C-alpha atoms as a PDB file:
ATOM      1  CA  MET A   1       0.000   0.000   0.000  1.00  0.00           C
ATOM      2  CA  SER A   2       1.134   3.566  -0.675  1.00  0.00           C
ATOM      3  CA  SER A   3      -0.647   6.852  -0.174  1.00  0.00           C
ATOM      4  CA  LEU A   4       0.052  10.490  -0.962  1.00  0.00           C
ATOM      5  CA  PRO A   5       1.750  12.371   1.917  1.00  0.00           C
ATOM      6  CA  ALA A   6      -0.739  14.771   3.517  1.00  0.00           C
ATOM      7  CA  HIS A   7       1.518  17.825   3.200  1.00  0.00           C
ATOM      8  CA  ILE A   8       1.335  17.652  -0.618  1.00  0.00           C
ATOM      9  CA  ASP A   9      -2.308  16.565  -0.881  1.00  0.00           C
ATOM     10  CA  PRO A  10      -4.435  19.668  -1.599  1.00  0.00           C
ATOM     11  CA  ILE A  11      -7.411  17.648  -2.866  1.00  0.00           C
ATOM     12  CA  GLY A  12      -7.423  15.469   0.242  1.00  0.00           C
ATOM     13  CA  HIS A  13      -7.400  18.467   2.583  1.00  0.00           C
ATOM     14  CA  ALA A  14     -10.158  20.216   0.627  1.00  0.00           C
ATOM     15  CA  VAL A  15     -12.292  17.058   0.642  1.00  0.00           C
ATOM     16  CA  MET A  16     -11.760  16.565   4.374  1.00  0.00           C
ATOM     17  CA  ASP A  17     -12.549  20.209   5.192  1.00  0.00           C
ATOM     18  CA  TYR A  18     -15.750  20.130   3.166  1.00  0.00           C
ATOM     19  CA  PHE A  19     -16.779  16.824   4.725  1.00  0.00           C
ATOM     20  CA  LYS A  20     -16.271  18.213   8.244  1.00  0.00           C
ATOM     21  CA  THR A  21     -17.801  21.668   7.803  1.00  0.00           C
ATOM     22  CA  SER A  22     -19.944  21.660   4.614  1.00  0.00           C
ATOM     23  CA  LYS A  23     -18.309  25.030   3.893  1.00  0.00           C
ATOM     24  CA  GLU A  24     -17.167  25.412   0.330  1.00  0.00           C
ATOM     25  CA  ALA A  25     -13.516  24.658  -0.287  1.00  0.00           C
ATOM     26  CA  SER A  26     -11.982  25.576  -3.619  1.00  0.00           C
ATOM     27  CA  ILE A  27      -9.021  23.793  -5.203  1.00  0.00           C
ATOM     28  CA  ARG A  28      -6.932  25.947  -7.554  1.00  0.00           C
ATOM     29  CA  VAL A  29      -5.807  24.217 -10.733  1.00  0.00           C
ATOM     30  CA  LEU A  30      -2.765  25.765 -12.405  1.00  0.00           C
ATOM     31  CA  SER A  31      -1.804  24.645 -15.909  1.00  0.00           C
ATOM     32  CA  ASP A  32       1.133  25.283 -18.197  1.00  0.00           C
ATOM     33  CA  ILE A  33      -1.266  25.963 -21.086  1.00  0.00           C
ATOM     34  CA  ALA A  34      -4.773  26.903 -19.927  1.00  0.00           C
ATOM     35  CA  SER A  35      -5.767  29.651 -17.507  1.00  0.00           C
ATOM     36  CA  THR A  36      -6.070  28.942 -13.794  1.00  0.00           C
ATOM     37  CA  ASP A  37      -9.237  27.065 -12.912  1.00  0.00           C
ATOM     38  CA  ARG A  38     -10.963  26.066  -9.675  1.00  0.00           C
ATOM     39  CA  ILE A  39     -12.639  22.847  -8.554  1.00  0.00           C
ATOM     40  CA  PRO A  40     -15.210  23.263  -5.758  1.00  0.00           C
ATOM     41  CA  ALA A  41     -14.767  20.440  -3.243  1.00  0.00           C
ATOM     42  CA  SER A  42     -18.558  20.095  -3.174  1.00  0.00           C
ATOM     43  CA  TYR A  43     -18.404  18.912  -6.798  1.00  0.00           C
ATOM     44  CA  LEU A  44     -16.493  15.835  -5.661  1.00  0.00           C
ATOM     45  CA  PHE A  45     -19.477  14.929  -3.433  1.00  0.00           C
ATOM     46  CA  ARG A  46     -22.116  15.410  -6.146  1.00  0.00           C
ATOM     47  CA  GLN A  47     -25.266  13.324  -6.240  1.00  0.00           C
ATOM     48  CA  GLU A  48     -26.429  11.440  -9.315  1.00  0.00           C
ATOM     49  CA  ASN A  49     -29.037  14.079 -10.181  1.00  0.00           C
ATOM     50  CA  ASN A  50     -26.240  16.663 -10.371  1.00  0.00           C
ATOM     51  CA  MET A  51     -23.985  14.639 -12.650  1.00  0.00           C
ATOM     52  CA  PRO A  52     -23.607  15.424 -16.363  1.00  0.00           C
ATOM     53  CA  PRO A  53     -25.242  12.966 -18.779  1.00  0.00           C
ATOM     54  CA  LEU A  54     -21.934  11.344 -19.754  1.00  0.00           C
ATOM     55  CA  GLU A  55     -21.300  10.360 -16.138  1.00  0.00           C
ATOM     56  CA  THR A  56     -24.704   8.799 -15.551  1.00  0.00           C
ATOM     57  CA  MET A  57     -24.338   6.975 -18.853  1.00  0.00           C
ATOM     58  CA  ALA A  58     -20.930   5.676 -17.746  1.00  0.00           C
ATOM     59  CA  LEU A  59     -22.346   4.312 -14.498  1.00  0.00           C
ATOM     60  CA  SER A  60     -25.025   2.412 -16.407  1.00  0.00           C
ATOM     61  CA  GLU A  61     -22.294   0.707 -18.476  1.00  0.00           C
ATOM     62  CA  CYS A  62     -20.437  -0.684 -15.433  1.00  0.00           C
ATOM     63  CA  ARG A  63     -20.638  -4.433 -14.877  1.00  0.00           C
ATOM     64  CA  GLY A  64     -19.039  -7.247 -12.920  1.00  0.00           C
ATOM     65  CA  LYS A  65     -16.310  -6.459 -10.430  1.00  0.00           C
ATOM     66  CA  ILE A  66     -15.532  -2.744 -10.716  1.00  0.00           C
ATOM     67  CA  LEU A  67     -12.500  -0.647  -9.767  1.00  0.00           C
ATOM     68  CA  ASP A  68     -13.246   3.083  -9.436  1.00  0.00           C
ATOM     69  CA  VAL A  69      -9.824   4.537 -10.264  1.00  0.00           C
ATOM     70  CA  GLY A  70      -9.050   7.885  -8.621  1.00  0.00           C
ATOM     71  CA  ALA A  71     -12.292   7.837  -6.665  1.00  0.00           C
ATOM     72  CA  ALA A  72     -11.640  11.127  -4.768  1.00  0.00           C
ATOM     73  CA  ALA A  73     -14.623  11.534  -2.409  1.00  0.00           C
ATOM     74  CA  GLY A  74     -16.305   8.440  -3.857  1.00  0.00           C
ATOM     75  CA  CYS A  75     -19.415   9.896  -5.487  1.00  0.00           C
ATOM     76  CA  HIS A  76     -19.450   7.238  -8.232  1.00  0.00           C
ATOM     77  CA  SER A  77     -18.613   4.394  -5.861  1.00  0.00           C
ATOM     78  CA  LEU A  78     -21.460   5.364  -3.529  1.00  0.00           C
ATOM     79  CA  ILE A  79     -23.991   5.247  -6.360  1.00  0.00           C
ATOM     80  CA  LEU A  80     -22.750   1.902  -7.646  1.00  0.00           C
ATOM     81  CA  GLN A  81     -22.620   0.452  -4.135  1.00  0.00           C
ATOM     82  CA  GLY A  82     -26.215   1.562  -3.651  1.00  0.00           C
ATOM     83  CA  ARG A  83     -27.142  -0.402  -6.760  1.00  0.00           C
ATOM     84  CA  GLY A  84     -25.591  -3.523  -5.298  1.00  0.00           C
ATOM     85  CA  ALA A  85     -22.500  -3.488  -7.507  1.00  0.00           C
ATOM     86  CA  ASP A  86     -19.230  -5.154  -6.512  1.00  0.00           C
ATOM     87  CA  ILE A  87     -17.267  -1.900  -6.351  1.00  0.00           C
ATOM     88  CA  THR A  88     -13.835  -0.995  -4.961  1.00  0.00           C
ATOM     89  CA  ALA A  89     -12.843   2.655  -4.647  1.00  0.00           C
ATOM     90  CA  LEU A  90      -9.153   3.172  -5.406  1.00  0.00           C
ATOM     91  CA  GLU A  91      -7.562   6.433  -4.297  1.00  0.00           C
ATOM     92  CA  ILE A  92      -3.986   7.440  -3.503  1.00  0.00           C
ATOM     93  CA  SER A  93      -5.011  10.274  -1.144  1.00  0.00           C
ATOM     94  CA  GLY A  94      -5.165   8.973   2.417  1.00  0.00           C
ATOM     95  CA  LEU A  95      -7.422  11.861   3.449  1.00  0.00           C
ATOM     96  CA  CYS A  96      -9.890  11.101   0.653  1.00  0.00           C
ATOM     97  CA  CYS A  97      -9.864   7.433   1.642  1.00  0.00           C
ATOM     98  CA  GLU A  98     -10.680   8.383   5.225  1.00  0.00           C
ATOM     99  CA  VAL A  99     -13.636  10.466   4.041  1.00  0.00           C
ATOM    100  CA  MET A 100     -14.931   7.661   1.805  1.00  0.00           C
ATOM    101  CA  GLN A 101     -14.836   5.233   4.711  1.00  0.00           C
ATOM    102  CA  LYS A 102     -16.764   7.710   6.852  1.00  0.00           C
ATOM    103  CA  LEU A 103     -19.332   8.036   4.053  1.00  0.00           C
ATOM    104  CA  GLY A 104     -19.931   4.294   4.212  1.00  0.00           C
ATOM    105  CA  ILE A 105     -18.086   3.008   1.166  1.00  0.00           C
ATOM    106  CA  GLU A 106     -17.336  -0.593   2.081  1.00  0.00           C
ATOM    107  CA  ASN A 107     -14.323  -1.328  -0.124  1.00  0.00           C
ATOM    108  CA  VAL A 108     -11.764   1.483  -0.095  1.00  0.00           C
ATOM    109  CA  LEU A 109      -8.239   0.825  -1.317  1.00  0.00           C
ATOM    110  CA  CYS A 110      -5.647   3.502  -0.528  1.00  0.00           C
ATOM    111  CA  ASP A 111      -2.934   2.755  -3.040  1.00  0.00           C
ATOM    112  CA  ASP A 112      -1.355   3.458  -6.410  1.00  0.00           C
ATOM    113  CA  PHE A 113      -3.098   2.201  -9.564  1.00  0.00           C
ATOM    114  CA  TYR A 114       0.066   0.506 -10.753  1.00  0.00           C
ATOM    115  CA  HIS A 115       0.328  -1.603  -7.582  1.00  0.00           C
ATOM    116  CA  GLN A 116      -2.939  -3.494  -8.179  1.00  0.00           C
ATOM    117  CA  LYS A 117      -3.311  -7.241  -8.689  1.00  0.00           C
ATOM    118  CA  GLU A 118      -3.724  -8.802 -12.114  1.00  0.00           C
ATOM    119  CA  ASN A 119      -6.812 -10.430 -13.672  1.00  0.00           C
ATOM    120  CA  HIS A 120      -9.020  -9.070 -10.937  1.00  0.00           C
ATOM    121  CA  TYR A 121     -11.676  -6.786 -12.468  1.00  0.00           C
ATOM    122  CA  ASP A 122     -14.329  -6.681 -15.180  1.00  0.00           C
ATOM    123  CA  THR A 123     -14.590  -2.873 -15.311  1.00  0.00           C
ATOM    124  CA  LEU A 124     -12.087  -0.093 -14.676  1.00  0.00           C
ATOM    125  CA  LEU A 125     -13.990   3.169 -14.183  1.00  0.00           C
ATOM    126  CA  MET A 126     -11.915   6.282 -14.929  1.00  0.00           C
ATOM    127  CA  MET A 127     -14.111   9.367 -14.744  1.00  0.00           C
ATOM    128  CA  MET A 128     -13.269  13.085 -14.621  1.00  0.00           C
ATOM    129  CA  ASN A 129     -10.685  12.293 -17.304  1.00  0.00           C
ATOM    130  CA  GLY A 130      -9.250   9.624 -15.046  1.00  0.00           C
ATOM    131  CA  ILE A 131      -7.412   8.114 -18.002  1.00  0.00           C
ATOM    132  CA  GLY A 132      -5.367  11.307 -17.893  1.00  0.00           C
ATOM    133  CA  LEU A 133      -3.272   9.811 -15.098  1.00  0.00           C
ATOM    134  CA  ALA A 134      -1.235   8.292 -17.947  1.00  0.00           C
ATOM    135  CA  GLY A 135       0.318  11.753 -18.197  1.00  0.00           C
ATOM    136  CA  THR A 136       1.742  11.373 -21.717  1.00  0.00           C
ATOM    137  CA  LEU A 137       1.234   9.316 -24.859  1.00  0.00           C
ATOM    138  CA  GLU A 138       4.093   7.086 -23.749  1.00  0.00           C
ATOM    139  CA  GLY A 139       2.471   6.789 -20.334  1.00  0.00           C
ATOM    140  CA  LEU A 140      -0.827   5.870 -21.980  1.00  0.00           C
ATOM    141  CA  GLY A 141       0.813   2.844 -23.528  1.00  0.00           C
ATOM    142  CA  LYS A 142       1.973   1.777 -20.076  1.00  0.00           C
ATOM    143  CA  LEU A 143      -1.483   2.404 -18.603  1.00  0.00           C
ATOM    144  CA  LEU A 144      -3.090   0.199 -21.251  1.00  0.00           C
ATOM    145  CA  ILE A 145      -0.606  -2.595 -20.548  1.00  0.00           C
ATOM    146  CA  LYS A 146      -1.341  -2.406 -16.821  1.00  0.00           C
ATOM    147  CA  SER A 147      -5.080  -2.270 -17.481  1.00  0.00           C
ATOM    148  CA  ARG A 148      -4.941  -5.404 -19.620  1.00  0.00           C
ATOM    149  CA  HIS A 149      -3.266  -7.201 -16.731  1.00  0.00           C
ATOM    150  CA  LEU A 150      -5.884  -5.979 -14.263  1.00  0.00           C
ATOM    151  CA  LEU A 151      -8.864  -6.910 -16.408  1.00  0.00           C
ATOM    152  CA  ARG A 152     -10.360 -10.345 -16.769  1.00  0.00           C
ATOM    153  CA  ALA A 153     -11.203 -11.726 -20.196  1.00  0.00           C
ATOM    154  CA  GLY A 154     -13.713  -9.448 -21.918  1.00  0.00           C
ATOM    155  CA  GLY A 155     -13.037  -6.626 -19.443  1.00  0.00           C
ATOM    156  CA  GLN A 156     -13.495  -2.944 -20.179  1.00  0.00           C
ATOM    157  CA  ILE A 157     -12.263   0.539 -19.319  1.00  0.00           C
ATOM    158  CA  ILE A 158     -15.015   3.148 -19.078  1.00  0.00           C
ATOM    159  CA  PHE A 159     -13.618   6.673 -19.262  1.00  0.00           C
ATOM    160  CA  ASP A 160     -14.211  10.222 -20.341  1.00  0.00           C
ATOM    161  CA  SER A 161     -11.724  12.627 -21.886  1.00  0.00           C
ATOM    162  CA  SER A 162     -11.612  15.701 -24.103  1.00  0.00           C
ATOM    163  CA  ASP A 163     -10.048  16.702 -27.381  1.00  0.00           C
ATOM    164  CA  ILE A 164      -8.444  20.000 -26.338  1.00  0.00           C
ATOM    165  CA  GLU A 165      -7.263  21.041 -29.793  1.00  0.00           C
ATOM    166  CA  TYR A 166      -9.681  23.984 -29.443  1.00  0.00           C
ATOM    167  CA  LEU A 167      -7.260  25.599 -26.971  1.00  0.00           C
ATOM    168  CA  TYR A 168      -4.842  26.158 -29.869  1.00  0.00           C
ATOM    169  CA  VAL A 169      -7.293  27.723 -32.335  1.00  0.00           C
ATOM    170  CA  GLU A 170      -6.835  31.428 -33.140  1.00  0.00           C
ATOM    171  CA  GLU A 171      -9.687  33.823 -33.852  1.00  0.00           C
ATOM    172  CA  ASP A 172      -9.110  33.468 -37.604  1.00  0.00           C
ATOM    173  CA  GLY A 173      -9.504  29.689 -37.346  1.00  0.00           C
ATOM    174  CA  SER A 174      -5.798  28.900 -37.712  1.00  0.00           C
ATOM    175  CA  ARG A 175      -4.052  26.495 -35.339  1.00  0.00           C
ATOM    176  CA  TRP A 176      -0.720  27.104 -33.644  1.00  0.00           C
ATOM    177  CA  ILE A 177       0.075  23.515 -32.635  1.00  0.00           C
ATOM    178  CA  ASN A 178       3.800  22.764 -32.908  1.00  0.00           C
ATOM    179  CA  LEU A 179       3.919  19.382 -34.635  1.00  0.00           C
ATOM    180  CA  ASN A 180       7.577  19.014 -33.626  1.00  0.00           C
ATOM    181  CA  SER A 181       6.781  19.402 -29.958  1.00  0.00           C
ATOM    182  CA  ARG A 182       4.919  17.144 -27.531  1.00  0.00           C
ATOM    183  CA  TYR A 183       1.384  15.914 -28.224  1.00  0.00           C
ATOM    184  CA  TYR A 184      -1.019  18.818 -27.720  1.00  0.00           C
ATOM    185  CA  GLY A 185      -3.028  16.977 -25.062  1.00  0.00           C
ATOM    186  CA  GLU A 186      -0.058  16.609 -22.701  1.00  0.00           C
ATOM    187  CA  LEU A 187      -0.420  19.207 -19.938  1.00  0.00           C
ATOM    188  CA  THR A 188       1.289  19.869 -16.629  1.00  0.00           C
ATOM    189  CA  TYR A 189      -0.873  20.693 -13.606  1.00  0.00           C
ATOM    190  CA  THR A 190      -0.226  21.984 -10.119  1.00  0.00           C
ATOM    191  CA  LEU A 191      -2.993  21.917  -7.485  1.00  0.00           C
ATOM    192  CA  GLN A 192      -3.290  24.300  -4.544  1.00  0.00           C
ATOM    193  CA  TYR A 193      -5.582  24.514  -1.542  1.00  0.00           C
ATOM    194  CA  LYS A 194      -5.034  27.155   1.127  1.00  0.00           C
ATOM    195  CA  LYS A 195      -1.268  26.996   1.826  1.00  0.00           C
ATOM    196  CA  ILE A 196      -0.896  23.446   0.508  1.00  0.00           C
ATOM    197  CA  THR A 197       0.675  23.038  -2.919  1.00  0.00           C
ATOM    198  CA  GLY A 198       1.008  19.667  -4.596  1.00  0.00           C
ATOM    199  CA  LYS A 199       3.866  18.606  -6.822  1.00  0.00           C
ATOM    200  CA  PRO A 200       3.495  19.428 -10.537  1.00  0.00           C
ATOM    201  CA  PHE A 201       2.293  16.399 -12.479  1.00  0.00           C
ATOM    202  CA  PRO A 202       1.660  15.523 -16.130  1.00  0.00           C
ATOM    203  CA  TRP A 203      -1.932  14.971 -17.247  1.00  0.00           C
ATOM    204  CA  LEU A 204      -3.228  13.727 -20.575  1.00  0.00           C
ATOM    205  CA  PHE A 205      -6.238  14.726 -22.659  1.00  0.00           C
ATOM    206  CA  ILE A 206      -6.535  12.351 -25.590  1.00  0.00           C
ATOM    207  CA  ASP A 207      -8.453  12.707 -28.846  1.00  0.00           C
ATOM    208  CA  PRO A 208     -10.369   9.605 -30.017  1.00  0.00           C
ATOM    209  CA  LYS A 209      -8.390   9.123 -33.237  1.00  0.00           C
ATOM    210  CA  THR A 210      -5.039   8.999 -31.451  1.00  0.00           C
ATOM    211  CA  LEU A 211      -6.461   6.892 -28.648  1.00  0.00           C
ATOM    212  CA  GLY A 212      -7.998   4.429 -31.086  1.00  0.00           C
ATOM    213  CA  SER A 213      -4.651   3.852 -32.753  1.00  0.00           C
ATOM    214  CA  LEU A 214      -2.836   3.323 -29.437  1.00  0.00           C
ATOM    215  CA  ALA A 215      -5.654   1.141 -28.143  1.00  0.00           C
ATOM    216  CA  ARG A 216      -5.380  -1.272 -31.063  1.00  0.00           C
ATOM    217  CA  LYS A 217      -1.647  -1.616 -30.442  1.00  0.00           C
ATOM    218  CA  GLY A 218      -2.368  -2.236 -26.754  1.00  0.00           C
ATOM    219  CA  GLY A 219      -4.933  -4.969 -27.342  1.00  0.00           C
ATOM    220  CA  PHE A 220      -8.124  -2.927 -26.938  1.00  0.00           C
ATOM    221  CA  SER A 221     -10.922  -1.755 -29.187  1.00  0.00           C
ATOM    222  CA  LEU A 222     -12.352   1.727 -28.708  1.00  0.00           C
ATOM    223  CA  GLU A 223     -15.999   2.732 -28.905  1.00  0.00           C
ATOM    224  CA  VAL A 224     -17.028   6.353 -28.402  1.00  0.00           C
ATOM    225  CA  ILE A 225     -20.434   6.148 -26.717  1.00  0.00           C
ATOM    226  CA  ALA A 226     -21.380   9.819 -26.702  1.00  0.00           C
ATOM    227  CA  TRP A 227     -20.065  13.362 -27.015  1.00  0.00           C
ATOM    228  CA  GLY A 228     -20.613  16.100 -24.457  1.00  0.00           C
ATOM    229  CA  ASP A 229     -21.223  19.806 -24.973  1.00  0.00           C
ATOM    230  CA  HIS A 230     -17.599  20.963 -25.060  1.00  0.00           C
ATOM    231  CA  TYR A 231     -15.304  18.572 -26.940  1.00  0.00           C
ATOM    232  CA  ASP A 232     -15.619  15.949 -24.188  1.00  0.00           C
ATOM    233  CA  TYR A 233     -16.637  12.379 -24.871  1.00  0.00           C
ATOM    234  CA  LEU A 234     -17.422   9.085 -23.169  1.00  0.00           C
ATOM    235  CA  GLY A 235     -15.620   5.995 -24.382  1.00  0.00           C
ATOM    236  CA  ILE A 236     -15.254   2.295 -23.671  1.00  0.00           C
ATOM    237  CA  LEU A 237     -12.012   0.420 -24.257  1.00  0.00           C
ATOM    238  CA  ARG A 238     -12.717  -3.309 -24.511  1.00  0.00           C
ATOM    239  CA  LYS A 239     -10.012  -5.879 -23.945  1.00  0.00           C
ATOM    240  CA  LYS A 240      -9.545  -8.079 -27.002  1.00  0.00           C
END
C-alpha cells in the first residue's frame, strides 16, 4: 500500500474540510497551457441528479467487479454500491480514503493504480478524465498494458476525456500547434488549496483518433459512446 503524503495533498485536505464543515472549499488548478481554474470540493461529493449525462451513462455501463480509479470523495462508488455493484474505490489520497470510509463506502483501497493485482476486475472506471493519469502518450501505452493485466477476459475501461485542440485555435480559425513538440493533449498541472501546494504532475487529454490507434496496439478496441457539450466524450475500451 502507498498513499500520498498529507503535506502535498491539496485535494485530500479540501475534501476533508468540506466533509467536516460543509463550507465550500476551492481547489486551484494551475496549468502550463490553460488559464487557472478552480474545482469546488462540493463537486467531488455530487449526487447522481447533479452529474452530467456522460457520467450517468458511464455508471449504467459498469458491470461485474468494478474498480473506481481515482475515486476522490467516492461519489461514483457510492452510487454503484447503492445499486448492489461489486465496487472498490481506489484512491492514492489517504485523506480522501478516510472520508470515503466515513461516508460508508465498504471497499476502499488507498494505493497506487500501478500496484494493483492482475486479472481481478471486469470494469475499470476512470471518470473526470481519469485516463489522464497516464500523463503522456508514452504513459498511456503503459497504462493500457497495466489495465490489460488488471482486467479479466472481456473486461473494459469506461472513461471520459476531451479533445483539447480547441485551446490552440486562433480567432481566424488557424491552429498554432507545434507538430515538432509534444502531443497537444499533454499538460502539466499543479494543485493548490489554502497553503498546501502539490507537486506538478503531467496529465493527458486524448483525442479519439489517437487513442484508437494506441488502443489497437495495446490490445483494446475503442468505442465512443457519446459526445458532451464541449469537446468531451465518453468511451469504452474493450479488452480483445
